[in-house]
Amino acid sequence: MFNRLMKVALGVALPIAILAGSPAAAEIREHQLKFASANNKGHPQVTGMEKFAELVAEKSGGKIEVKLFPGGVLGGDVQTVSALQGGVIEMTVLNAGILASNVKQFGAVDLPFLFGSGEEADKIMDGAFGTGLMELLPDTGLVGLGYWELGFRNLTNNRHAVTKLEDIQGLKIRTIQSPIPIELFNALGANAVPLPYTELYTALETGTVDGQENPAANIINAKFYEVQKYMTVTRHQYNPQIVLVSKKFWDGLNDEEKAVFQAAANEARDYQRQVSREFDAKAIADIRATGMQVDELSPEETQKLRDAVKPLIDKFSAEIGPETVAALFKELETVRGN
C-alpha cells in the first residue's frame, strides 16, 4: 500500500519494469558500450565502475564489454546525460540531483541536511522512494539501474578559515549545475558559481572562484588541496549517485542481457558504497596530511547553517512537488523509527 502511495506522490502513472524477473530464453549477444563519469581513476565512483565492468564481463561470459571513460573525457555530467538520451554514450554515473532538470522530483535528494548517514540514505534510495524516482526516467530517454554513493559534501576555500556562518559571506563558491546547491550557498551568504566539474580545478587555480564544495574523496582525488588552503567539515548535503543507461541502448537488449546489467549494477552498488565509506573515513586525515587546514563546525554553528537554509525546503517543495517531498520525509520518519 505504501509503495502505491509513493508512486502517486512521485507522479508515476504506471510502473515501468526495467528488468524481467523470469529467466530469459534469449541468448546473450556481443555488445561493446561506453560508461562515462566525471571523476578520475582511483575515486570510489570509478572503482565502482571497474567492478561493474568486471561483473558484466563475468556474467555475460565475456560477450559484453564495458569500456570506461572516467575523468570527464567524454564531457561534463549535463553533457553526458544529453549524450545518453541521444544514444551516443550508453552509460554514466552521476549525482542523482542533477536529474532535477529532466525530472523535477529528483530535486528532493538535493535538499540540505537531509540524511543523517549513508546507511539511512541507502534505505530511502533502495526503497519505494528511490525506485519510484527511477520509474519516471524512461520518458526522458534514460533508465536507472540503481544508486551508488558520492557522500557528504564539505566546503573548501582559498581565502580564510570558515568556522562560523559569517565566514562564508562573500566567498565565490563553485556548485554543481543544479538549482538547490546554487540557492543553498547564496542563502549562506556566498556567491554561488555553477560550473561543470571538469572545469573546477582550473577555476580554483586561476581564482575564478574562491572555493568549492565536494565530498572528501573528491578533494583528494582531484587534488584540490593543491589549489585550496582551508576545508570545513560542513556535511551540508549528501549525494546519492545514480547509474544510468541510455534507453535507446536498453531497448535493444533482450531480457537476459538486461538481467546481466541489473545484477551487475546491484553487486557493484554494494561494493562501491563500502569502498566509498572506507575512503571517506580516512580522507579527512589524508587531507590534513597535505597541509590543508581542516576545521570542524561547532553544533551551534551547524544549527545556524541549518536555520539559514530552512526556507529553501519550503521554496523547493513547491517546485519539486509537495507530495513528493512529503513522501520523502514520511519515509525518513519510518526509517528512523519515529
Protein backbone atom coordinates (compact mmCIF):
# COMPACT_ATOMS: atom_id res chain seq x y z
CA MET A 1 0.00 0.00 0.00
CA PHE A 2 2.81 2.44 0.91
CA ASN A 3 4.60 1.70 -2.36
CA ARG A 4 1.43 2.56 -4.29
CA LEU A 5 1.05 5.82 -2.34
CA MET A 6 4.70 6.62 -3.02
CA LYS A 7 4.17 6.18 -6.76
CA VAL A 8 1.21 8.56 -6.64
CA ALA A 9 3.29 11.11 -4.71
CA LEU A 10 6.09 10.90 -7.22
CA GLY A 11 3.69 11.24 -10.13
CA VAL A 12 4.25 7.76 -11.54
CA ALA A 13 1.23 6.88 -13.65
CA LEU A 14 2.20 3.33 -14.47
CA PRO A 15 5.01 1.09 -13.19
CA ILE A 16 7.75 0.59 -15.72
CA ALA A 17 9.65 -2.66 -15.33
CA ILE A 18 13.29 -2.31 -16.26
CA LEU A 19 14.12 -5.91 -15.53
CA ALA A 20 12.27 -9.05 -16.45
CA GLY A 21 12.02 -11.23 -13.37
CA SER A 22 11.68 -14.54 -15.18
CA PRO A 23 14.56 -16.46 -16.73
CA ALA A 24 15.15 -15.23 -20.26
CA ALA A 25 15.00 -17.53 -23.22
CA ALA A 26 17.16 -15.35 -25.47
CA GLU A 27 20.93 -15.73 -25.71
CA ILE A 28 23.39 -13.10 -24.60
CA ARG A 29 24.87 -11.41 -27.65
CA GLU A 30 28.10 -9.45 -28.09
CA HIS A 31 27.98 -5.79 -27.08
CA GLN A 32 30.54 -3.07 -26.51
CA LEU A 33 29.49 0.07 -24.67
CA LYS A 34 30.87 3.30 -23.23
CA PHE A 35 30.50 4.07 -19.48
CA ALA A 36 31.45 7.69 -18.70
CA SER A 37 31.94 9.64 -15.47
CA ALA A 38 33.38 12.94 -14.26
CA ASN A 39 35.71 11.61 -11.56
CA ASN A 40 39.23 10.31 -12.08
CA LYS A 41 40.61 6.79 -11.73
CA GLY A 42 41.15 5.97 -8.06
CA HIS A 43 37.93 7.68 -6.97
CA PRO A 44 35.30 5.38 -5.35
CA GLN A 45 32.94 6.23 -8.22
CA VAL A 46 35.41 4.87 -10.77
CA THR A 47 36.26 1.90 -8.55
CA GLY A 48 32.55 1.04 -8.70
CA MET A 49 32.59 1.37 -12.49
CA GLU A 50 35.55 -1.00 -12.69
CA LYS A 51 33.72 -3.55 -10.53
CA PHE A 52 30.59 -3.19 -12.67
CA ALA A 53 32.55 -3.77 -15.91
CA GLU A 54 34.23 -6.83 -14.37
CA LEU A 55 30.87 -8.27 -13.25
CA VAL A 56 29.21 -7.68 -16.62
CA ALA A 57 32.06 -9.46 -18.40
CA GLU A 58 31.86 -12.35 -15.93
CA LYS A 59 28.06 -12.70 -16.06
CA SER A 60 27.94 -12.45 -19.86
CA GLY A 61 30.68 -14.98 -20.44
CA GLY A 62 32.87 -12.26 -21.90
CA LYS A 63 30.32 -11.27 -24.54
CA ILE A 64 29.57 -7.80 -23.16
CA GLU A 65 32.47 -5.36 -22.85
CA VAL A 66 32.04 -2.18 -20.81
CA LYS A 67 34.67 0.40 -21.78
CA LEU A 68 35.30 3.00 -19.08
CA PHE A 69 35.78 6.72 -19.73
CA PRO A 70 36.45 8.43 -16.36
CA GLY A 71 37.82 11.90 -15.75
CA GLY A 72 35.18 13.73 -17.81
CA VAL A 73 36.92 12.83 -21.08
CA LEU A 74 33.52 12.49 -22.80
CA GLY A 75 32.17 15.71 -21.26
CA GLY A 76 30.65 17.03 -18.04
CA ASP A 77 27.63 15.48 -16.35
CA VAL A 78 24.95 17.57 -18.07
CA GLN A 79 26.56 17.00 -21.48
CA THR A 80 26.85 13.25 -20.78
CA VAL A 81 23.14 12.96 -19.90
CA SER A 82 22.29 14.52 -23.28
CA ALA A 83 24.64 12.04 -24.97
CA LEU A 84 22.83 9.16 -23.25
CA GLN A 85 19.46 10.47 -24.39
CA GLY A 86 20.79 10.61 -27.94
CA GLY A 87 22.31 7.13 -27.72
CA VAL A 88 25.86 8.42 -28.31
CA ILE A 89 27.04 7.11 -24.91
CA GLU A 90 25.46 4.05 -23.32
CA MET A 91 26.07 4.58 -19.58
CA THR A 92 27.07 7.11 -16.94
CA VAL A 93 27.00 7.58 -13.16
CA LEU A 94 26.41 11.00 -11.61
CA ASN A 95 24.77 12.89 -8.75
CA ALA A 96 21.09 11.98 -8.77
CA GLY A 97 20.08 15.58 -8.04
CA ILE A 98 21.46 16.73 -11.38
CA LEU A 99 18.49 14.95 -12.99
CA ALA A 100 16.13 17.54 -11.49
CA SER A 101 16.32 19.38 -14.82
CA ASN A 102 14.99 16.22 -16.52
CA VAL A 103 12.59 15.02 -13.81
CA LYS A 104 11.77 17.69 -11.21
CA GLN A 105 11.14 15.11 -8.43
CA PHE A 106 14.87 14.25 -8.37
CA GLY A 107 15.45 17.66 -6.78
CA ALA A 108 14.22 16.17 -3.50
CA VAL A 109 17.51 14.32 -2.91
CA ASP A 110 19.42 17.63 -3.08
CA LEU A 111 17.61 19.15 -0.09
CA PRO A 112 20.16 20.32 2.52
CA PHE A 113 20.90 18.37 5.71
CA LEU A 114 18.52 15.62 4.56
CA PHE A 115 20.22 12.37 5.57
CA GLY A 116 21.91 11.56 8.86
CA SER A 117 24.12 8.79 7.45
CA GLY A 118 24.90 6.90 4.27
CA GLU A 119 23.08 3.85 5.61
CA GLU A 120 19.94 5.94 6.12
CA ALA A 121 20.21 7.21 2.55
CA ASP A 122 20.57 3.60 1.29
CA LYS A 123 17.22 2.64 2.81
CA ILE A 124 15.48 5.59 1.16
CA MET A 125 17.12 5.28 -2.25
CA ASP A 126 16.84 1.46 -2.46
CA GLY A 127 13.26 1.59 -1.19
CA ALA A 128 9.98 2.81 -2.60
CA PHE A 129 11.09 6.44 -2.89
CA GLY A 130 14.25 5.88 -4.93
CA THR A 131 12.61 3.17 -7.04
CA GLY A 132 9.70 5.49 -7.77
CA LEU A 133 12.08 8.19 -8.96
CA MET A 134 13.79 5.78 -11.37
CA GLU A 135 10.42 4.81 -12.85
CA LEU A 136 9.99 8.40 -14.03
CA LEU A 137 13.16 8.29 -16.15
CA PRO A 138 12.28 6.24 -19.28
CA ASP A 139 10.02 9.01 -20.60
CA THR A 140 13.15 11.21 -20.73
CA GLY A 141 15.25 8.66 -22.63
CA LEU A 142 17.05 7.32 -19.56
CA VAL A 143 16.91 4.12 -17.49
CA GLY A 144 18.15 3.88 -13.90
CA LEU A 145 19.88 0.74 -12.63
CA GLY A 146 20.38 1.80 -9.01
CA TYR A 147 22.10 4.20 -6.66
CA TRP A 148 25.72 4.46 -5.63
CA GLU A 149 27.29 6.95 -3.21
CA LEU A 150 29.30 10.12 -3.60
CA GLY A 151 28.83 11.03 0.06
CA PHE A 152 28.56 14.10 2.29
CA ARG A 153 29.75 17.40 0.84
CA ASN A 154 32.15 19.75 2.65
CA LEU A 155 33.36 23.27 1.96
CA THR A 156 36.85 24.38 0.90
CA ASN A 157 38.19 27.81 0.00
CA ASN A 158 41.43 29.70 -0.54
CA ARG A 159 40.73 32.94 1.34
CA HIS A 160 40.30 32.19 5.03
CA ALA A 161 39.23 29.57 7.55
CA VAL A 162 35.47 29.06 7.84
CA THR A 163 34.45 28.30 11.42
CA LYS A 164 31.15 30.19 11.56
CA LEU A 165 28.30 31.12 9.23
CA GLU A 166 29.55 34.70 8.79
CA ASP A 167 32.86 33.42 7.36
CA ILE A 168 31.02 32.17 4.26
CA GLN A 169 29.81 35.70 3.45
CA GLY A 170 31.08 36.92 0.07
CA LEU A 171 33.03 33.81 -0.93
CA LYS A 172 32.70 32.80 -4.58
CA ILE A 173 31.83 29.11 -4.29
CA ARG A 174 31.55 26.73 -7.24
CA THR A 175 28.48 24.50 -7.05
CA ILE A 176 27.12 21.74 -9.25
CA GLN A 177 24.75 22.79 -12.04
CA SER A 178 21.58 22.18 -10.07
CA PRO A 179 19.16 24.76 -8.58
CA ILE A 180 19.21 23.72 -4.91
CA PRO A 181 23.01 23.81 -4.35
CA ILE A 182 23.13 27.20 -6.08
CA GLU A 183 20.45 28.71 -3.84
CA LEU A 184 21.84 26.90 -0.79
CA PHE A 185 25.14 28.75 -0.98
CA ASN A 186 23.52 32.04 -1.90
CA ALA A 187 21.36 31.61 1.24
CA LEU A 188 24.54 31.14 3.31
CA GLY A 189 25.86 34.49 2.04
CA ALA A 190 28.23 33.15 -0.62
CA ASN A 191 28.16 33.95 -4.32
CA ALA A 192 27.35 30.59 -5.95
CA VAL A 193 29.01 29.92 -9.31
CA PRO A 194 27.65 26.81 -11.10
CA LEU A 195 30.35 25.13 -13.21
CA PRO A 196 30.95 21.67 -14.70
CA TYR A 197 33.19 19.52 -12.51
CA THR A 198 35.63 19.18 -15.40
CA GLU A 199 36.33 22.95 -15.21
CA LEU A 200 36.63 23.18 -11.43
CA TYR A 201 40.35 22.67 -10.83
CA THR A 202 41.26 25.39 -13.33
CA ALA A 203 38.65 27.75 -11.84
CA LEU A 204 40.21 27.27 -8.39
CA GLU A 205 43.76 27.59 -9.73
CA THR A 206 43.05 30.86 -11.58
CA GLY A 207 40.95 32.37 -8.78
CA THR A 208 37.78 32.44 -10.89
CA VAL A 209 36.18 31.03 -7.74
CA ASP A 210 37.44 31.14 -4.15
CA GLY A 211 36.25 27.69 -3.20
CA GLN A 212 34.06 24.71 -3.83
CA GLU A 213 32.07 22.03 -2.01
CA ASN A 214 32.54 18.31 -2.50
CA PRO A 215 32.99 15.11 -0.52
CA ALA A 216 36.43 14.48 0.93
CA ALA A 217 37.04 11.74 -1.66
CA ASN A 218 36.79 14.30 -4.46
CA ILE A 219 39.09 16.76 -2.69
CA ILE A 220 41.77 14.07 -2.54
CA ASN A 221 41.12 12.50 -5.95
CA ALA A 222 41.02 15.78 -7.90
CA LYS A 223 43.97 17.21 -5.90
CA PHE A 224 42.02 20.29 -4.86
CA TYR A 225 44.44 20.52 -1.92
CA GLU A 226 46.96 21.88 -4.44
CA VAL A 227 44.82 24.97 -5.02
CA GLN A 228 42.88 25.29 -1.72
CA LYS A 229 44.12 26.13 1.78
CA TYR A 230 41.08 25.65 4.03
CA MET A 231 38.48 22.94 4.47
CA THR A 232 35.43 22.97 6.75
CA VAL A 233 33.57 19.76 7.57
CA THR A 234 30.01 21.01 6.94
CA ARG A 235 28.31 17.82 5.66
CA HIS A 236 25.61 20.13 4.32
CA GLN A 237 24.39 17.78 1.63
CA TYR A 238 24.54 14.06 0.83
CA ASN A 239 24.83 12.93 -2.78
CA PRO A 240 23.38 9.61 -3.86
CA GLN A 241 24.65 8.83 -7.34
CA ILE A 242 22.54 7.16 -9.98
CA VAL A 243 23.76 4.63 -12.56
CA LEU A 244 22.10 5.46 -15.86
CA VAL A 245 21.69 3.63 -19.16
CA SER A 246 20.61 5.14 -22.46
CA LYS A 247 17.04 3.99 -23.14
CA LYS A 248 17.92 3.67 -26.84
CA PHE A 249 20.58 1.12 -25.91
CA TRP A 250 18.44 -0.56 -23.22
CA ASP A 251 15.51 -1.09 -25.57
CA GLY A 252 17.80 -3.02 -27.92
CA LEU A 253 18.74 -5.56 -25.22
CA ASN A 254 16.91 -8.82 -24.66
CA ASP A 255 15.70 -9.89 -21.23
CA GLU A 256 18.75 -12.00 -20.44
CA GLU A 257 21.11 -9.15 -21.30
CA LYS A 258 19.07 -6.73 -19.16
CA ALA A 259 19.28 -9.21 -16.29
CA VAL A 260 23.09 -9.24 -16.59
CA PHE A 261 23.25 -5.45 -16.35
CA GLN A 262 20.86 -5.23 -13.41
CA ALA A 263 22.56 -8.00 -11.42
CA ALA A 264 25.98 -6.43 -12.03
CA ALA A 265 24.65 -3.00 -11.00
CA ASN A 266 23.26 -4.40 -7.74
CA GLU A 267 26.50 -6.18 -6.82
CA ALA A 268 28.65 -3.20 -7.81
CA ARG A 269 26.39 -0.91 -5.75
CA ASP A 270 27.09 -2.74 -2.51
CA TYR A 271 30.83 -2.88 -3.27
CA GLN A 272 31.02 0.79 -4.30
CA ARG A 273 29.26 2.03 -1.18
CA GLN A 274 31.63 0.08 1.04
CA VAL A 275 34.67 1.46 -0.80
CA SER A 276 33.25 4.99 -0.65
CA ARG A 277 32.66 4.87 3.11
CA GLU A 278 36.07 3.38 3.85
CA PHE A 279 37.67 6.07 1.67
CA ASP A 280 35.72 8.86 3.41
CA ALA A 281 36.65 7.60 6.87
CA LYS A 282 40.37 8.17 6.21
CA ALA A 283 40.13 11.08 3.75
CA ILE A 284 40.00 13.84 6.37
CA ALA A 285 43.33 12.67 7.82
CA ASP A 286 44.76 12.42 4.31
CA ILE A 287 43.63 15.98 3.55
CA ARG A 288 45.25 17.27 6.75
CA ALA A 289 48.44 15.48 5.74
CA THR A 290 48.57 17.53 2.52
CA GLY A 291 48.90 20.68 4.62
CA MET A 292 45.33 21.94 4.29
CA GLN A 293 43.79 23.42 7.44
CA VAL A 294 40.68 21.40 8.35
CA ASP A 295 38.10 22.89 10.71
CA GLU A 296 35.01 21.35 12.29
CA LEU A 297 31.90 23.45 12.90
CA SER A 298 30.53 23.53 16.42
CA PRO A 299 26.99 22.15 16.88
CA GLU A 300 25.79 25.74 17.40
CA GLU A 301 27.31 26.93 14.11
CA THR A 302 25.96 23.89 12.27
CA GLN A 303 22.49 24.78 13.55
CA LYS A 304 22.96 28.32 12.21
CA LEU A 305 23.63 26.85 8.76
CA ARG A 306 20.56 24.63 9.06
CA ASP A 307 18.41 27.60 10.06
CA ALA A 308 19.75 29.73 7.19
CA VAL A 309 18.76 27.16 4.55
CA LYS A 310 15.41 26.06 6.04
CA PRO A 311 13.42 28.43 3.76
CA LEU A 312 14.81 26.53 0.77
CA ILE A 313 12.87 23.43 1.77
CA ASP A 314 9.55 25.28 1.56
CA LYS A 315 10.51 27.05 -1.66
CA PHE A 316 11.75 23.97 -3.49
CA SER A 317 8.98 21.74 -2.14
CA ALA A 318 6.58 23.76 -4.28
CA GLU A 319 8.80 23.26 -7.36
CA ILE A 320 9.64 19.60 -6.75
CA GLY A 321 6.06 18.77 -5.76
CA PRO A 322 4.76 18.97 -2.18
CA GLU A 323 3.52 15.37 -2.36
CA THR A 324 6.98 14.13 -3.34
CA VAL A 325 8.73 15.98 -0.51
CA ALA A 326 6.07 14.86 1.98
CA ALA A 327 6.51 11.25 0.86
CA LEU A 328 10.29 11.54 1.30
CA PHE A 329 10.02 12.90 4.84
CA LYS A 330 7.37 10.29 5.66
CA GLU A 331 9.73 7.51 4.59
CA LEU A 332 12.58 9.11 6.54
CA GLU A 333 10.41 9.03 9.66
CA THR A 334 9.71 5.35 9.05
CA VAL A 335 13.41 4.57 8.58
CA ARG A 336 14.28 6.45 11.77
CA GLY A 337 11.53 4.70 13.70
CA ASN A 338 9.75 7.95 14.56
